[in-house]
C-alpha atoms as a PDB file:
ATOM      1  CA  UNK A   1     -45.636 -85.563  79.449  1.00  0.00           C
ATOM      2  CA  UNK A   2     -42.121 -85.318  79.975  1.00  0.00           C
ATOM      3  CA  UNK A   3     -40.611 -83.527  77.216  1.00  0.00           C
ATOM      4  CA  UNK A   4     -37.081 -84.526  78.245  1.00  0.00           C
ATOM      5  CA  UNK A   5     -37.599 -88.170  77.843  1.00  0.00           C
ATOM      6  CA  UNK A   6     -35.913 -90.275  74.949  1.00  0.00           C
ATOM      7  CA  UNK A   7     -37.676 -90.266  71.415  1.00  0.00           C
ATOM      8  CA  UNK A   8     -39.358 -93.526  70.788  1.00  0.00           C
ATOM      9  CA  UNK A   9     -38.668 -95.281  67.500  1.00  0.00           C
ATOM     10  CA  UNK A  10     -41.764 -95.513  65.164  1.00  0.00           C
ATOM     11  CA  UNK A  11     -43.066 -91.888  66.371  1.00  0.00           C
ATOM     12  CA  UNK A  12     -42.891 -88.682  64.961  1.00  0.00           C
ATOM     13  CA  UNK A  13     -42.107 -85.560  67.199  1.00  0.00           C
ATOM     14  CA  UNK A  14     -43.239 -81.979  66.064  1.00  0.00           C
ATOM     15  CA  UNK A  15     -40.590 -79.644  66.963  1.00  0.00           C
ATOM     16  CA  UNK A  16     -41.298 -76.085  67.023  1.00  0.00           C
ATOM     17  CA  UNK A  17     -37.941 -74.351  66.239  1.00  0.00           C
ATOM     18  CA  UNK A  18     -38.831 -70.892  67.172  1.00  0.00           C
ATOM     19  CA  UNK A  19     -38.236 -67.474  65.273  1.00  0.00           C
ATOM     20  CA  UNK A  20     -34.783 -68.309  63.716  1.00  0.00           C
ATOM     21  CA  UNK A  21     -32.102 -67.790  66.126  1.00  0.00           C
ATOM     22  CA  UNK A  22     -30.879 -71.028  67.067  1.00  0.00           C
ATOM     23  CA  UNK A  23     -30.609 -70.015  70.624  1.00  0.00           C
ATOM     24  CA  UNK A  24     -34.357 -69.508  70.856  1.00  0.00           C
ATOM     25  CA  UNK A  25     -35.167 -73.500  70.453  1.00  0.00           C
ATOM     26  CA  UNK A  26     -36.474 -74.994  73.753  1.00  0.00           C
ATOM     27  CA  UNK A  27     -34.173 -77.552  75.603  1.00  0.00           C
ATOM     28  CA  UNK A  28     -36.488 -80.389  74.571  1.00  0.00           C
ATOM     29  CA  UNK A  29     -36.692 -79.337  71.005  1.00  0.00           C
ATOM     30  CA  UNK A  30     -32.870 -79.571  70.899  1.00  0.00           C
ATOM     31  CA  UNK A  31     -32.693 -82.892  72.539  1.00  0.00           C
ATOM     32  CA  UNK A  32     -35.284 -84.214  69.890  1.00  0.00           C
ATOM     33  CA  UNK A  33     -33.023 -83.141  67.116  1.00  0.00           C
ATOM     34  CA  UNK A  34     -30.098 -84.588  68.612  1.00  0.00           C
ATOM     35  CA  UNK A  35     -31.812 -87.944  69.102  1.00  0.00           C
ATOM     36  CA  UNK A  36     -33.590 -88.127  65.589  1.00  0.00           C
ATOM     37  CA  UNK A  37     -32.811 -90.800  62.843  1.00  0.00           C
ATOM     38  CA  UNK A  38     -34.441 -88.607  60.276  1.00  0.00           C
ATOM     39  CA  UNK A  39     -35.465 -84.814  60.384  1.00  0.00           C
ATOM     40  CA  UNK A  40     -37.835 -83.214  57.884  1.00  0.00           C
ATOM     41  CA  UNK A  41     -37.171 -79.397  57.919  1.00  0.00           C
ATOM     42  CA  UNK A  42     -38.719 -76.118  56.830  1.00  0.00           C
ATOM     43  CA  UNK A  43     -37.177 -73.362  55.146  1.00  0.00           C
ATOM     44  CA  UNK A  44     -37.542 -71.101  58.225  1.00  0.00           C
ATOM     45  CA  UNK A  45     -36.628 -73.532  60.876  1.00  0.00           C
ATOM     46  CA  UNK A  46     -33.194 -72.903  62.672  1.00  0.00           C
ATOM     47  CA  UNK A  47     -31.073 -75.330  60.433  1.00  0.00           C
ATOM     48  CA  UNK A  48     -27.787 -74.700  62.396  1.00  0.00           C
ATOM     49  CA  UNK A  49     -29.260 -76.796  65.167  1.00  0.00           C
ATOM     50  CA  UNK A  50     -29.100 -79.886  62.874  1.00  0.00           C
ATOM     51  CA  UNK A  51     -25.245 -79.659  63.079  1.00  0.00           C
ATOM     52  CA  UNK A  52     -25.929 -81.315  66.670  1.00  0.00           C
ATOM     53  CA  UNK A  53     -26.816 -84.455  64.951  1.00  0.00           C
ATOM     54  CA  UNK A  54     -24.418 -84.908  61.850  1.00  0.00           C
ATOM     55  CA  UNK A  55     -25.680 -88.681  61.575  1.00  0.00           C
ATOM     56  CA  UNK A  56     -29.242 -88.116  61.034  1.00  0.00           C
ATOM     57  CA  UNK A  57     -30.931 -88.072  57.582  1.00  0.00           C
ATOM     58  CA  UNK A  58     -32.017 -84.289  56.658  1.00  0.00           C
ATOM     59  CA  UNK A  59     -34.899 -84.003  54.244  1.00  0.00           C
ATOM     60  CA  UNK A  60     -35.948 -80.232  53.185  1.00  0.00           C
ATOM     61  CA  UNK A  61     -39.441 -79.968  52.833  1.00  0.00           C
ATOM     62  CA  UNK A  62     -39.933 -76.176  52.978  1.00  0.00           C
ATOM     63  CA  UNK A  63     -41.995 -73.926  50.941  1.00  0.00           C
ATOM     64  CA  UNK A  64     -40.443 -70.808  49.283  1.00  0.00           C
ATOM     65  CA  UNK A  65     -43.175 -68.032  48.704  1.00  0.00           C
ATOM     66  CA  UNK A  66     -44.354 -68.247  45.104  1.00  0.00           C
ATOM     67  CA  UNK A  67     -41.562 -70.727  44.579  1.00  0.00           C
ATOM     68  CA  UNK A  68     -40.577 -74.205  44.951  1.00  0.00           C
ATOM     69  CA  UNK A  69     -42.690 -76.188  47.505  1.00  0.00           C
ATOM     70  CA  UNK A  70     -43.079 -79.584  48.950  1.00  0.00           C
ATOM     71  CA  UNK A  71     -46.841 -80.465  48.909  1.00  0.00           C
ATOM     72  CA  UNK A  72     -48.278 -80.976  52.399  1.00  0.00           C
ATOM     73  CA  UNK A  73     -49.748 -84.409  51.394  1.00  0.00           C
ATOM     74  CA  UNK A  74     -46.135 -85.670  50.363  1.00  0.00           C
ATOM     75  CA  UNK A  75     -44.811 -84.268  53.864  1.00  0.00           C
ATOM     76  CA  UNK A  76     -47.463 -86.257  55.523  1.00  0.00           C
ATOM     77  CA  UNK A  77     -46.688 -89.386  53.581  1.00  0.00           C
ATOM     78  CA  UNK A  78     -42.934 -88.914  54.284  1.00  0.00           C
ATOM     79  CA  UNK A  79     -43.484 -88.557  58.033  1.00  0.00           C
ATOM     80  CA  UNK A  80     -45.683 -91.744  58.336  1.00  0.00           C
ATOM     81  CA  UNK A  81     -43.450 -93.928  55.963  1.00  0.00           C
ATOM     82  CA  UNK A  82     -40.349 -92.939  58.148  1.00  0.00           C
ATOM     83  CA  UNK A  83     -41.909 -93.824  61.150  1.00  0.00           C
ATOM     84  CA  UNK A  84     -43.402 -96.992  59.965  1.00  0.00           C
ATOM     85  CA  UNK A  85     -39.873 -98.167  59.323  1.00  0.00           C
ATOM     86  CA  UNK A  86     -39.280 -97.808  63.148  1.00  0.00           C
ATOM     87  CA  UNK A  87     -37.278 -94.519  62.702  1.00  0.00           C
ATOM     88  CA  UNK A  88     -37.224 -91.487  65.204  1.00  0.00           C
ATOM     89  CA  UNK A  89     -38.755 -88.784  63.147  1.00  0.00           C
ATOM     90  CA  UNK A  90     -38.358 -85.153  64.001  1.00  0.00           C
ATOM     91  CA  UNK A  91     -40.583 -82.840  62.103  1.00  0.00           C
ATOM     92  CA  UNK A  92     -38.620 -79.150  62.540  1.00  0.00           C
ATOM     93  CA  UNK A  93     -40.511 -76.235  61.854  1.00  0.00           C
ATOM     94  CA  UNK A  94     -39.908 -72.318  62.428  1.00  0.00           C
ATOM     95  CA  UNK A  95     -42.103 -70.768  65.137  1.00  0.00           C
ATOM     96  CA  UNK A  96     -44.468 -73.143  66.682  1.00  0.00           C
ATOM     97  CA  UNK A  97     -46.055 -75.911  64.916  1.00  0.00           C
ATOM     98  CA  UNK A  98     -49.727 -75.106  65.587  1.00  0.00           C
ATOM     99  CA  UNK A  99     -49.514 -71.625  64.763  1.00  0.00           C
ATOM    100  CA  UNK A 100     -49.850 -71.640  60.850  1.00  0.00           C
ATOM    101  CA  UNK A 101     -47.338 -74.492  60.736  1.00  0.00           C
ATOM    102  CA  UNK A 102     -49.833 -77.181  59.842  1.00  0.00           C
ATOM    103  CA  UNK A 103     -49.038 -79.181  62.664  1.00  0.00           C
ATOM    104  CA  UNK A 104     -52.524 -80.276  63.190  1.00  0.00           C
ATOM    105  CA  UNK A 105     -52.737 -81.578  59.721  1.00  0.00           C
ATOM    106  CA  UNK A 106     -49.482 -83.700  60.198  1.00  0.00           C
ATOM    107  CA  UNK A 107     -50.936 -85.133  63.375  1.00  0.00           C
ATOM    108  CA  UNK A 108     -54.162 -86.027  61.657  1.00  0.00           C
ATOM    109  CA  UNK A 109     -52.178 -87.680  59.087  1.00  0.00           C
ATOM    110  CA  UNK A 110     -49.968 -89.810  61.361  1.00  0.00           C
ATOM    111  CA  UNK A 111     -53.228 -90.522  63.651  1.00  0.00           C
ATOM    112  CA  UNK A 112     -54.877 -92.109  60.772  1.00  0.00           C
ATOM    113  CA  UNK A 113     -51.996 -94.341  59.988  1.00  0.00           C
ATOM    114  CA  UNK A 114     -51.482 -95.454  63.467  1.00  0.00           C
ATOM    115  CA  UNK A 115     -48.139 -93.580  64.032  1.00  0.00           C
ATOM    116  CA  UNK A 116     -47.798 -91.837  67.577  1.00  0.00           C
ATOM    117  CA  UNK A 117     -47.330 -88.257  67.815  1.00  0.00           C
ATOM    118  CA  UNK A 118     -45.338 -86.204  70.469  1.00  0.00           C
ATOM    119  CA  UNK A 119     -45.650 -82.254  70.362  1.00  0.00           C
ATOM    120  CA  UNK A 120     -42.589 -79.895  71.558  1.00  0.00           C
ATOM    121  CA  UNK A 121     -43.957 -76.490  71.472  1.00  0.00           C
ATOM    122  CA  UNK A 122     -41.786 -73.657  69.989  1.00  0.00           C
ATOM    123  CA  UNK A 123     -41.545 -69.965  70.693  1.00  0.00           C
ATOM    124  CA  UNK A 124     -43.947 -68.318  68.079  1.00  0.00           C
ATOM    125  CA  UNK A 125     -42.528 -65.544  65.688  1.00  0.00           C
ATOM    126  CA  UNK A 126     -45.802 -63.814  66.047  1.00  0.00           C
ATOM    127  CA  UNK A 127     -44.776 -62.661  69.625  1.00  0.00           C
ATOM    128  CA  UNK A 128     -40.847 -63.120  69.498  1.00  0.00           C
ATOM    129  CA  UNK A 129     -40.566 -60.974  66.445  1.00  0.00           C
ATOM    130  CA  UNK A 130     -42.411 -57.774  67.813  1.00  0.00           C
ATOM    131  CA  UNK A 131     -40.716 -58.547  71.303  1.00  0.00           C
ATOM    132  CA  UNK A 132     -37.396 -58.448  69.553  1.00  0.00           C
ATOM    133  CA  UNK A 133     -38.123 -55.151  67.870  1.00  0.00           C
ATOM    134  CA  UNK A 134     -39.214 -53.589  71.145  1.00  0.00           C
ATOM    135  CA  UNK A 135     -43.004 -53.806  70.397  1.00  0.00           C
ATOM    136  CA  UNK A 136     -45.140 -55.143  73.251  1.00  0.00           C
ATOM    137  CA  UNK A 137     -48.284 -56.619  71.907  1.00  0.00           C
ATOM    138  CA  UNK A 138     -50.332 -55.946  75.089  1.00  0.00           C
ATOM    139  CA  UNK A 139     -49.538 -52.780  77.194  1.00  0.00           C
ATOM    140  CA  UNK A 140     -51.230 -51.637  80.460  1.00  0.00           C
ATOM    141  CA  UNK A 141     -54.007 -48.886  79.988  1.00  0.00           C
ATOM    142  CA  UNK A 142     -53.352 -49.219  76.197  1.00  0.00           C
ATOM    143  CA  UNK A 143     -54.444 -52.278  74.874  1.00  0.00           C
ATOM    144  CA  UNK A 144     -55.844 -55.450  76.468  1.00  0.00           C
ATOM    145  CA  UNK A 145     -55.240 -58.184  73.767  1.00  0.00           C
ATOM    146  CA  UNK A 146     -53.804 -59.140  70.186  1.00  0.00           C
ATOM    147  CA  UNK A 147     -55.154 -60.601  67.212  1.00  0.00           C
ATOM    148  CA  UNK A 148     -53.015 -62.939  65.143  1.00  0.00           C
ATOM    149  CA  UNK A 149     -53.921 -63.427  61.279  1.00  0.00           C
ATOM    150  CA  UNK A 150     -52.580 -64.741  58.123  1.00  0.00           C
ATOM    151  CA  UNK A 151     -52.013 -62.121  55.195  1.00  0.00           C
ATOM    152  CA  UNK A 152     -51.325 -65.053  52.797  1.00  0.00           C
ATOM    153  CA  UNK A 153     -54.559 -64.564  50.996  1.00  0.00           C
ATOM    154  CA  UNK A 154     -55.400 -61.268  49.730  1.00  0.00           C
ATOM    155  CA  UNK A 155     -58.527 -59.560  50.637  1.00  0.00           C
ATOM    156  CA  UNK A 156     -61.091 -60.120  47.921  1.00  0.00           C
ATOM    157  CA  UNK A 157     -59.582 -63.569  46.930  1.00  0.00           C
ATOM    158  CA  UNK A 158     -62.358 -66.168  46.946  1.00  0.00           C
ATOM    159  CA  UNK A 159     -60.262 -68.326  49.285  1.00  0.00           C
ATOM    160  CA  UNK A 160     -59.956 -65.449  51.897  1.00  0.00           C
ATOM    161  CA  UNK A 161     -61.879 -66.450  55.283  1.00  0.00           C
ATOM    162  CA  UNK A 162     -61.282 -63.333  56.997  1.00  0.00           C
ATOM    163  CA  UNK A 163     -63.683 -60.431  57.585  1.00  0.00           C
ATOM    164  CA  UNK A 164     -60.901 -57.294  57.611  1.00  0.00           C
ATOM    165  CA  UNK A 165     -63.589 -54.863  58.556  1.00  0.00           C
ATOM    166  CA  UNK A 166     -64.658 -56.763  61.868  1.00  0.00           C
ATOM    167  CA  UNK A 167     -61.010 -57.255  62.205  1.00  0.00           C
ATOM    168  CA  UNK A 168     -60.347 -53.622  62.355  1.00  0.00           C
ATOM    169  CA  UNK A 169     -62.862 -52.953  65.065  1.00  0.00           C
ATOM    170  CA  UNK A 170     -61.554 -55.520  67.642  1.00  0.00           C
ATOM    171  CA  UNK A 171     -59.677 -52.892  69.889  1.00  0.00           C
ATOM    172  CA  UNK A 172     -56.763 -55.286  69.917  1.00  0.00           C
ATOM    173  CA  UNK A 173     -53.168 -55.094  68.485  1.00  0.00           C
ATOM    174  CA  UNK A 174     -53.411 -56.806  65.160  1.00  0.00           C
ATOM    175  CA  UNK A 175     -50.373 -59.098  64.285  1.00  0.00           C
ATOM    176  CA  UNK A 176     -50.234 -60.071  60.540  1.00  0.00           C
ATOM    177  CA  UNK A 177     -48.251 -63.085  59.533  1.00  0.00           C
ATOM    178  CA  UNK A 178     -47.223 -63.678  55.669  1.00  0.00           C
ATOM    179  CA  UNK A 179     -48.564 -60.484  54.517  1.00  0.00           C
ATOM    180  CA  UNK A 180     -45.682 -58.836  52.875  1.00  0.00           C
ATOM    181  CA  UNK A 181     -47.116 -59.261  49.160  1.00  0.00           C
ATOM    182  CA  UNK A 182     -50.817 -58.219  50.214  1.00  0.00           C
ATOM    183  CA  UNK A 183     -50.097 -55.549  52.626  1.00  0.00           C
ATOM    184  CA  UNK A 184     -51.586 -52.819  50.331  1.00  0.00           C
ATOM    185  CA  UNK A 185     -54.826 -54.545  50.043  1.00  0.00           C
ATOM    186  CA  UNK A 186     -55.029 -55.346  53.742  1.00  0.00           C
ATOM    187  CA  UNK A 187     -53.965 -51.608  54.671  1.00  0.00           C
ATOM    188  CA  UNK A 188     -57.056 -50.711  52.562  1.00  0.00           C
ATOM    189  CA  UNK A 189     -59.467 -53.013  54.207  1.00  0.00           C
ATOM    190  CA  UNK A 190     -58.665 -51.904  57.668  1.00  0.00           C
ATOM    191  CA  UNK A 191     -58.783 -48.377  56.730  1.00  0.00           C
ATOM    192  CA  UNK A 192     -62.244 -49.085  55.178  1.00  0.00           C
ATOM    193  CA  UNK A 193     -63.243 -50.946  58.390  1.00  0.00           C
ATOM    194  CA  UNK A 194     -62.578 -48.034  60.572  1.00  0.00           C
ATOM    195  CA  UNK A 195     -58.756 -47.803  61.737  1.00  0.00           C
ATOM    196  CA  UNK A 196     -57.106 -44.332  60.908  1.00  0.00           C
ATOM    197  CA  UNK A 197     -54.633 -44.065  58.311  1.00  0.00           C
ATOM    198  CA  UNK A 198     -52.099 -42.703  60.745  1.00  0.00           C
ATOM    199  CA  UNK A 199     -52.464 -45.624  63.212  1.00  0.00           C
ATOM    200  CA  UNK A 200     -48.942 -46.845  63.792  1.00  0.00           C
ATOM    201  CA  UNK A 201     -47.376 -49.876  62.209  1.00  0.00           C
ATOM    202  CA  UNK A 202     -44.386 -51.711  62.779  1.00  0.00           C
ATOM    203  CA  UNK A 203     -42.870 -54.433  60.425  1.00  0.00           C
ATOM    204  CA  UNK A 204     -40.456 -56.865  61.560  1.00  0.00           C
ATOM    205  CA  UNK A 205     -38.170 -58.846  58.989  1.00  0.00           C
ATOM    206  CA  UNK A 206     -35.753 -61.838  59.652  1.00  0.00           C
ATOM    207  CA  UNK A 207     -36.766 -61.545  63.339  1.00  0.00           C
ATOM    208  CA  UNK A 208     -33.969 -62.810  65.690  1.00  0.00           C
ATOM    209  CA  UNK A 209     -31.467 -63.225  62.908  1.00  0.00           C
ATOM    210  CA  UNK A 210     -28.282 -60.979  62.330  1.00  0.00           C
ATOM    211  CA  UNK A 211     -30.556 -59.576  59.190  1.00  0.00           C
ATOM    212  CA  UNK A 212     -33.236 -58.487  61.370  1.00  0.00           C
ATOM    213  CA  UNK A 213     -34.839 -55.304  59.901  1.00  0.00           C
ATOM    214  CA  UNK A 214     -37.522 -53.100  61.647  1.00  0.00           C
ATOM    215  CA  UNK A 215     -39.429 -50.509  59.853  1.00  0.00           C
ATOM    216  CA  UNK A 216     -42.074 -48.077  61.375  1.00  0.00           C
ATOM    217  CA  UNK A 217     -44.709 -46.336  59.542  1.00  0.00           C
ATOM    218  CA  UNK A 218     -48.449 -45.829  59.266  1.00  0.00           C
ATOM    219  CA  UNK A 219     -51.452 -47.679  58.140  1.00  0.00           C
ATOM    220  CA  UNK A 220     -51.791 -45.438  55.228  1.00  0.00           C
ATOM    221  CA  UNK A 221     -48.179 -45.502  54.125  1.00  0.00           C
ATOM    222  CA  UNK A 222     -46.776 -48.662  55.341  1.00  0.00           C
ATOM    223  CA  UNK A 223     -46.980 -50.558  51.919  1.00  0.00           C
ATOM    224  CA  UNK A 224     -45.143 -47.820  50.110  1.00  0.00           C
ATOM    225  CA  UNK A 225     -42.480 -47.784  52.832  1.00  0.00           C
ATOM    226  CA  UNK A 226     -42.138 -51.553  52.811  1.00  0.00           C
ATOM    227  CA  UNK A 227     -41.643 -51.448  49.135  1.00  0.00           C
ATOM    228  CA  UNK A 228     -39.188 -48.687  49.424  1.00  0.00           C
ATOM    229  CA  UNK A 229     -37.298 -50.382  52.395  1.00  0.00           C
ATOM    230  CA  UNK A 230     -37.118 -53.623  50.301  1.00  0.00           C
ATOM    231  CA  UNK A 231     -38.927 -55.774  53.021  1.00  0.00           C
ATOM    232  CA  UNK A 232     -39.150 -59.342  51.668  1.00  0.00           C
ATOM    233  CA  UNK A 233     -40.621 -62.489  53.664  1.00  0.00           C
ATOM    234  CA  UNK A 234     -40.476 -63.449  56.223  1.00  0.00           C
ATOM    235  CA  UNK A 235     -41.894 -60.512  57.932  1.00  0.00           C
ATOM    236  CA  UNK A 236     -44.490 -59.611  60.579  1.00  0.00           C
ATOM    237  CA  UNK A 237     -46.530 -56.686  60.614  1.00  0.00           C
ATOM    238  CA  UNK A 238     -47.921 -54.892  63.740  1.00  0.00           C
ATOM    239  CA  UNK A 239     -50.725 -52.671  63.577  1.00  0.00           C
ATOM    240  CA  UNK A 240     -51.785 -50.476  66.594  1.00  0.00           C
ATOM    241  CA  UNK A 241     -50.700 -48.090  69.127  1.00  0.00           C
ATOM    242  CA  UNK A 242     -48.118 -50.477  70.507  1.00  0.00           C
ATOM    243  CA  UNK A 243     -46.243 -50.259  67.269  1.00  0.00           C
ATOM    244  CA  UNK A 244     -45.587 -46.393  67.868  1.00  0.00           C
ATOM    245  CA  UNK A 245     -43.841 -47.003  71.310  1.00  0.00           C
ATOM    246  CA  UNK A 246     -40.080 -45.892  70.924  1.00  0.00           C
ATOM    247  CA  UNK A 247     -38.535 -49.050  72.821  1.00  0.00           C
ATOM    248  CA  UNK A 248     -36.373 -50.396  69.856  1.00  0.00           C
ATOM    249  CA  UNK A 249     -33.500 -48.271  70.645  1.00  0.00           C
ATOM    250  CA  UNK A 250     -33.213 -49.757  74.004  1.00  0.00           C
ATOM    251  CA  UNK A 251     -33.820 -53.465  72.878  1.00  0.00           C
ATOM    252  CA  UNK A 252     -30.704 -55.476  72.810  1.00  0.00           C
ATOM    253  CA  UNK A 253     -30.751 -59.063  70.990  1.00  0.00           C
ATOM    254  CA  UNK A 254     -27.572 -60.996  70.327  1.00  0.00           C
ATOM    255  CA  UNK A 255     -28.441 -63.748  68.068  1.00  0.00           C
ATOM    256  CA  UNK A 256     -26.746 -66.977  69.308  1.00  0.00           C
ATOM    257  CA  UNK A 257     -23.680 -68.065  68.137  1.00  0.00           C
ATOM    258  CA  UNK A 258     -24.742 -71.758  68.155  1.00  0.00           C
END
């Protein structure tokens, strides 16, 4: 699949827009945005790149935590309807479409309606955010893997499908997305599962943007520290020894002036 090819009318292209800085959008993703007739975009997508296509119709379909949102079913219908009208449709998301981006659901909805789908991967924030804060998710002789989970549903909630006690025992770096509101309960469950209260934690808010904020703490104190620091979504929480490496002061990332 050649991602530099022109978009085809009547298709939907799922574009992962990266962690927020427009400069971290892939070349193929930018080309897709430039060619689109209509762009359905998320709140966390790098919206500045849509200036590259002033003639496209832009439709906001983002979700605000505990606030306004467009139901996923409605987004699916919009994608199908615009494609069936013979338009070149781009679905622009933050991060990567297949990492808590519901890209798979949108592909299924389009496929069920006979609408072709193209995928352009994005730089996922679960890796990029820690990197930009100087936190390597793996480090030789320290940790041999990482686990990425959603903290959107609180431990103990009937909708929760995660076994936090088992996650605590994996021996891998833990990356928690969408966990700001529930970090207190998550921390308690991880400690109950065997992680020590002094386990290092790094929290990265607004990764890659000029407002990027990095907080270092411990598992036992992170909830209080996040509240005190005023950390708001979107933020990425990294739990594990790599979060204690003192690399951030040598890390330089200048957000793109796109």
